[in-house]
């Protein structure tokens, strides 16, 4: 159960360099026209914040169905 952890100074340096690289690549992609200058909202792009899938189980309704109240 050992966990490798970078020292805080090294971690901060790596994250700062990654942030700079990400900004640089985004600027290059924007210059190539891969990104529009307008930002789309989640609803405008057709995506909503809710996940689709199986509806949540309601534990009370399943227990209530098995009760016999005679």
Protein backbone atom coordinates (compact mmCIF):
# COMPACT_ATOMS: atom_id res chain seq x y z
CA UNK A 1 0.00 0.00 0.00
CA UNK A 2 2.69 2.51 -0.91
CA UNK A 3 1.77 5.66 -2.72
CA UNK A 4 4.26 7.60 -4.81
CA UNK A 5 3.96 11.32 -4.25
CA UNK A 6 5.94 14.14 -5.80
CA UNK A 7 7.20 16.92 -3.55
CA UNK A 8 4.90 19.94 -3.62
CA UNK A 9 7.43 22.14 -5.44
CA UNK A 10 7.91 19.55 -8.20
CA UNK A 11 4.16 18.98 -8.52
CA UNK A 12 3.52 22.72 -8.81
CA UNK A 13 6.24 23.06 -11.46
CA UNK A 14 4.88 20.16 -13.53
CA UNK A 15 1.31 21.46 -13.34
CA UNK A 16 2.42 24.98 -14.32
CA UNK A 17 4.33 23.62 -17.31
CA UNK A 18 1.36 21.50 -18.38
CA UNK A 19 -0.95 24.49 -18.10
CA UNK A 20 1.39 26.57 -20.28
CA UNK A 21 1.66 23.76 -22.84
CA UNK A 22 -2.12 23.35 -22.91
CA UNK A 23 -2.61 27.09 -23.50
CA UNK A 24 0.01 27.04 -26.27
CA UNK A 25 -1.63 24.09 -28.04
CA UNK A 26 -5.07 25.65 -27.71
CA UNK A 27 -3.76 28.86 -29.32
CA UNK A 28 -2.31 26.82 -32.21
CA UNK A 29 -5.59 24.94 -32.68
CA UNK A 30 -7.56 28.17 -32.56
CA UNK A 31 -5.28 29.66 -35.25
CA UNK A 32 -6.01 26.61 -37.43
CA UNK A 33 -9.74 27.23 -36.98
CA UNK A 34 -10.42 24.10 -34.96
CA UNK A 35 -12.19 26.07 -32.22
CA UNK A 36 -14.88 28.67 -32.69
CA UNK A 37 -14.44 31.95 -30.86
CA UNK A 38 -17.95 31.68 -29.35
CA UNK A 39 -18.46 29.31 -26.48
CA UNK A 40 -21.55 27.12 -26.68
CA UNK A 41 -23.60 26.46 -23.61
CA UNK A 42 -24.37 22.88 -22.63
CA UNK A 43 -28.01 23.20 -23.66
CA UNK A 44 -27.18 24.79 -27.02
CA UNK A 45 -24.89 21.92 -27.96
CA UNK A 46 -27.56 19.35 -27.14
CA UNK A 47 -25.95 18.05 -24.00
CA UNK A 48 -27.61 18.38 -20.67
CA UNK A 49 -26.11 18.05 -17.24
CA UNK A 50 -28.13 14.91 -16.50
CA UNK A 51 -26.78 11.48 -17.25
CA UNK A 52 -28.93 9.00 -19.09
CA UNK A 53 -29.21 5.44 -18.06
CA UNK A 54 -31.05 3.30 -15.63
CA UNK A 55 -33.50 5.24 -13.44
CA UNK A 56 -32.53 5.35 -9.76
CA UNK A 57 -33.97 2.63 -7.60
CA UNK A 58 -36.43 3.71 -4.96
CA UNK A 59 -35.81 1.48 -1.95
CA UNK A 60 -39.04 2.53 -0.21
CA UNK A 61 -41.32 1.56 -3.08
CA UNK A 62 -39.83 -1.93 -3.30
CA UNK A 63 -40.23 -2.47 0.45
CA UNK A 64 -43.77 -1.13 0.49
CA UNK A 65 -44.81 -3.57 -2.23
CA UNK A 66 -43.74 -6.55 -0.15
CA UNK A 67 -45.65 -5.55 3.01
CA UNK A 68 -48.83 -7.40 3.81
CA UNK A 69 -51.10 -5.11 5.86
CA UNK A 70 -53.93 -7.53 6.72
